[in-house]
Amino acid sequence: MRIYTKVVIPWLYRNKEYYAARKWCIRTVGASNSKAAKDPGRPWYAKRQWVHGCQESRFYFRNPAHATMFQLTWAKEFRQT
């Protein structure tokens, strides 16, 4: 059983954009205790990693509706850049 819904954003790699997305998550979904790792009660968490020579951001949301809202918001935000 999957607890979190994963949203992968390959072009969200700059620190400014990544931290702006994290701030959006805190404002919209709520604070997430980073010390709780993958605790089932944690509403979301994020991490970045290198994939095929490019850095990508991965956000994980407990509520699938939050994952969809996040994906739509950030797709709209960076579509214009």
N, C-alpha and C. Protein backbone atom coordinates (compact mmCIF):
# COMPACT_ATOMS: atom_id res chain seq x y z
N MET A 1 0.83 -1.18 0.00
CA MET A 1 0.00 0.00 0.00
C MET A 1 0.88 1.24 0.00
N ARG A 2 0.63 2.13 -0.93
CA ARG A 2 1.40 3.36 -1.05
C ARG A 2 0.84 4.41 -0.09
N ILE A 3 1.72 5.02 0.69
CA ILE A 3 1.30 6.04 1.65
C ILE A 3 1.40 7.43 1.03
N TYR A 4 2.43 7.67 0.22
CA TYR A 4 2.68 9.00 -0.35
C TYR A 4 2.51 8.97 -1.87
N THR A 5 2.07 10.09 -2.41
CA THR A 5 1.99 10.28 -3.85
C THR A 5 3.21 11.09 -4.27
N LYS A 6 3.97 10.58 -5.23
CA LYS A 6 5.21 11.22 -5.66
C LYS A 6 4.95 12.15 -6.84
N VAL A 7 5.56 13.35 -6.77
CA VAL A 7 5.53 14.30 -7.88
C VAL A 7 6.97 14.60 -8.23
N VAL A 8 7.38 14.28 -9.44
CA VAL A 8 8.75 14.50 -9.90
C VAL A 8 8.76 15.71 -10.82
N ILE A 9 9.64 16.66 -10.51
CA ILE A 9 9.77 17.86 -11.33
C ILE A 9 11.23 17.98 -11.74
N PRO A 10 11.58 17.54 -12.94
CA PRO A 10 12.98 17.54 -13.35
C PRO A 10 13.58 18.93 -13.52
N TRP A 11 12.78 19.93 -13.82
CA TRP A 11 13.34 21.26 -14.08
C TRP A 11 13.32 22.15 -12.87
N LEU A 12 12.91 21.66 -11.72
CA LEU A 12 12.90 22.45 -10.49
C LEU A 12 14.19 22.16 -9.74
N TYR A 13 15.30 22.66 -10.26
CA TYR A 13 16.60 22.29 -9.71
C TYR A 13 17.35 23.45 -9.08
N ARG A 14 17.02 24.66 -9.43
CA ARG A 14 17.73 25.80 -8.82
C ARG A 14 17.28 25.96 -7.37
N ASN A 15 18.21 26.35 -6.51
CA ASN A 15 17.90 26.49 -5.08
C ASN A 15 16.72 27.43 -4.86
N LYS A 16 16.70 28.55 -5.55
CA LYS A 16 15.63 29.54 -5.37
C LYS A 16 14.27 28.91 -5.66
N GLU A 17 14.15 28.19 -6.74
CA GLU A 17 12.89 27.56 -7.13
C GLU A 17 12.51 26.43 -6.18
N TYR A 18 13.49 25.63 -5.80
CA TYR A 18 13.24 24.51 -4.90
C TYR A 18 12.72 25.00 -3.55
N TYR A 19 13.37 26.02 -3.00
CA TYR A 19 12.93 26.53 -1.70
C TYR A 19 11.62 27.30 -1.79
N ALA A 20 11.34 27.90 -2.92
CA ALA A 20 10.04 28.54 -3.13
C ALA A 20 8.93 27.48 -3.14
N ALA A 21 9.20 26.34 -3.76
CA ALA A 21 8.22 25.25 -3.78
C ALA A 21 8.02 24.69 -2.38
N ARG A 22 9.09 24.56 -1.61
CA ARG A 22 8.96 24.09 -0.23
C ARG A 22 8.15 25.07 0.62
N LYS A 23 8.36 26.38 0.42
CA LYS A 23 7.58 27.38 1.16
C LYS A 23 6.10 27.28 0.78
N TRP A 24 5.83 27.04 -0.50
CA TRP A 24 4.44 26.86 -0.94
C TRP A 24 3.81 25.68 -0.20
N CYS A 25 4.56 24.59 -0.08
CA CYS A 25 4.05 23.41 0.61
C CYS A 25 3.73 23.72 2.07
N ILE A 26 4.61 24.45 2.73
CA ILE A 26 4.39 24.80 4.13
C ILE A 26 3.16 25.67 4.28
N ARG A 27 3.01 26.67 3.40
CA ARG A 27 1.84 27.55 3.47
C ARG A 27 0.55 26.82 3.14
N THR A 28 0.58 25.93 2.15
CA THR A 28 -0.63 25.30 1.65
C THR A 28 -1.00 24.01 2.41
N VAL A 29 -0.03 23.15 2.62
CA VAL A 29 -0.29 21.83 3.20
C VAL A 29 -0.02 21.83 4.71
N GLY A 30 0.94 22.62 5.13
CA GLY A 30 1.32 22.66 6.54
C GLY A 30 2.76 22.25 6.73
N ALA A 31 3.28 22.53 7.91
CA ALA A 31 4.67 22.21 8.22
C ALA A 31 4.86 20.70 8.26
N SER A 32 6.04 20.28 7.86
CA SER A 32 6.38 18.87 7.85
C SER A 32 7.64 18.69 8.69
N ASN A 33 7.58 17.84 9.68
CA ASN A 33 8.70 17.61 10.57
C ASN A 33 9.78 16.81 9.84
N SER A 34 10.89 17.46 9.54
CA SER A 34 11.95 16.80 8.77
C SER A 34 12.62 15.68 9.57
N LYS A 35 12.53 15.71 10.88
CA LYS A 35 13.16 14.67 11.70
C LYS A 35 12.33 13.39 11.71
N ALA A 36 11.10 13.47 11.22
CA ALA A 36 10.22 12.30 11.24
C ALA A 36 10.42 11.39 10.03
N ALA A 37 11.37 11.74 9.17
CA ALA A 37 11.67 10.96 7.96
C ALA A 37 10.41 10.61 7.19
N LYS A 38 10.11 9.33 7.03
CA LYS A 38 8.93 8.93 6.27
C LYS A 38 7.79 8.50 7.19
N ASP A 39 7.64 9.18 8.29
CA ASP A 39 6.57 8.88 9.24
C ASP A 39 5.21 9.01 8.55
N PRO A 40 4.32 8.04 8.71
CA PRO A 40 3.02 8.08 8.03
C PRO A 40 2.17 9.31 8.37
N GLY A 41 2.43 9.96 9.49
CA GLY A 41 1.67 11.15 9.85
C GLY A 41 2.19 12.42 9.21
N ARG A 42 3.32 12.35 8.58
CA ARG A 42 3.94 13.52 7.95
C ARG A 42 3.17 13.88 6.69
N PRO A 43 2.71 15.16 6.52
CA PRO A 43 1.88 15.51 5.38
C PRO A 43 2.62 15.55 4.04
N TRP A 44 3.92 15.84 4.05
CA TRP A 44 4.69 15.90 2.82
C TRP A 44 6.18 15.91 3.16
N TYR A 45 7.00 15.56 2.18
CA TYR A 45 8.44 15.75 2.29
C TYR A 45 9.00 15.87 0.88
N ALA A 46 10.21 16.41 0.79
CA ALA A 46 10.83 16.64 -0.51
C ALA A 46 12.30 16.25 -0.46
N LYS A 47 12.83 15.92 -1.63
CA LYS A 47 14.26 15.66 -1.74
C LYS A 47 14.70 15.93 -3.17
N ARG A 48 15.98 16.17 -3.33
CA ARG A 48 16.55 16.38 -4.67
C ARG A 48 17.61 15.33 -4.90
N GLN A 49 17.77 14.94 -6.15
CA GLN A 49 18.82 13.98 -6.48
C GLN A 49 19.22 14.14 -7.94
N TRP A 50 20.40 13.62 -8.24
CA TRP A 50 20.90 13.66 -9.61
C TRP A 50 20.40 12.44 -10.37
N VAL A 51 19.86 12.67 -11.57
CA VAL A 51 19.36 11.61 -12.42
C VAL A 51 19.84 11.89 -13.84
N HIS A 52 20.62 11.01 -14.39
CA HIS A 52 21.14 11.15 -15.76
C HIS A 52 21.81 12.50 -15.97
N GLY A 53 22.63 12.93 -15.02
CA GLY A 53 23.39 14.16 -15.15
C GLY A 53 22.61 15.43 -14.86
N CYS A 54 21.35 15.31 -14.48
CA CYS A 54 20.53 16.48 -14.15
C CYS A 54 19.95 16.30 -12.76
N GLN A 55 19.82 17.42 -12.06
CA GLN A 55 19.22 17.35 -10.74
C GLN A 55 17.71 17.53 -10.86
N GLU A 56 16.97 16.70 -10.16
CA GLU A 56 15.52 16.82 -10.17
C GLU A 56 14.99 16.86 -8.75
N SER A 57 13.83 17.44 -8.59
CA SER A 57 13.19 17.53 -7.29
C SER A 57 12.04 16.53 -7.23
N ARG A 58 11.92 15.91 -6.08
CA ARG A 58 10.82 14.96 -5.86
C ARG A 58 10.09 15.38 -4.59
N PHE A 59 8.80 15.55 -4.73
CA PHE A 59 7.95 15.91 -3.61
C PHE A 59 6.98 14.76 -3.38
N TYR A 60 6.78 14.41 -2.13
CA TYR A 60 5.90 13.31 -1.75
C TYR A 60 4.81 13.84 -0.84
N PHE A 61 3.56 13.57 -1.19
CA PHE A 61 2.41 14.08 -0.45
C PHE A 61 1.57 12.94 0.07
N ARG A 62 1.15 13.06 1.32
CA ARG A 62 0.28 12.03 1.92
C ARG A 62 -1.11 12.08 1.29
N ASN A 63 -1.61 13.27 1.01
CA ASN A 63 -2.92 13.44 0.41
C ASN A 63 -2.75 13.59 -1.11
N PRO A 64 -3.31 12.71 -1.92
CA PRO A 64 -3.15 12.81 -3.38
C PRO A 64 -3.70 14.12 -3.96
N ALA A 65 -4.69 14.72 -3.32
CA ALA A 65 -5.22 16.00 -3.79
C ALA A 65 -4.17 17.10 -3.65
N HIS A 66 -3.37 17.06 -2.59
CA HIS A 66 -2.29 18.03 -2.42
C HIS A 66 -1.23 17.85 -3.50
N ALA A 67 -0.96 16.60 -3.85
CA ALA A 67 0.02 16.32 -4.91
C ALA A 67 -0.45 16.91 -6.24
N THR A 68 -1.72 16.74 -6.55
CA THR A 68 -2.27 17.28 -7.79
C THR A 68 -2.24 18.80 -7.79
N MET A 69 -2.63 19.40 -6.67
CA MET A 69 -2.63 20.86 -6.56
C MET A 69 -1.20 21.41 -6.71
N PHE A 70 -0.24 20.74 -6.09
CA PHE A 70 1.17 21.14 -6.19
C PHE A 70 1.64 21.08 -7.65
N GLN A 71 1.35 19.97 -8.29
CA GLN A 71 1.80 19.77 -9.67
C GLN A 71 1.20 20.82 -10.60
N LEU A 72 -0.07 21.11 -10.45
CA LEU A 72 -0.71 22.12 -11.30
C LEU A 72 -0.18 23.51 -11.03
N THR A 73 0.04 23.84 -9.78
CA THR A 73 0.56 25.16 -9.41
C THR A 73 1.95 25.38 -9.98
N TRP A 74 2.83 24.42 -9.82
CA TRP A 74 4.21 24.61 -10.27
C TRP A 74 4.36 24.44 -11.77
N ALA A 75 3.51 23.68 -12.40
CA ALA A 75 3.54 23.59 -13.86
C ALA A 75 3.16 24.94 -14.45
N LYS A 76 2.16 25.58 -13.88
CA LYS A 76 1.73 26.90 -14.32
C LYS A 76 2.82 27.94 -14.06
N GLU A 77 3.45 27.86 -12.91
CA GLU A 77 4.47 28.83 -12.51
C GLU A 77 5.67 28.83 -13.45
N PHE A 78 6.14 27.66 -13.85
CA PHE A 78 7.36 27.58 -14.64
C PHE A 78 7.12 27.37 -16.13
N ARG A 79 5.90 27.28 -16.53
CA ARG A 79 5.59 27.16 -17.95
C ARG A 79 5.98 28.42 -18.70
N GLN A 80 5.89 29.56 -18.02
CA GLN A 80 6.16 30.86 -18.63
C GLN A 80 7.64 31.18 -18.69
N THR A 81 8.51 30.43 -17.96
CA THR A 81 9.93 30.76 -17.95
C THR A 81 10.69 30.05 -19.04
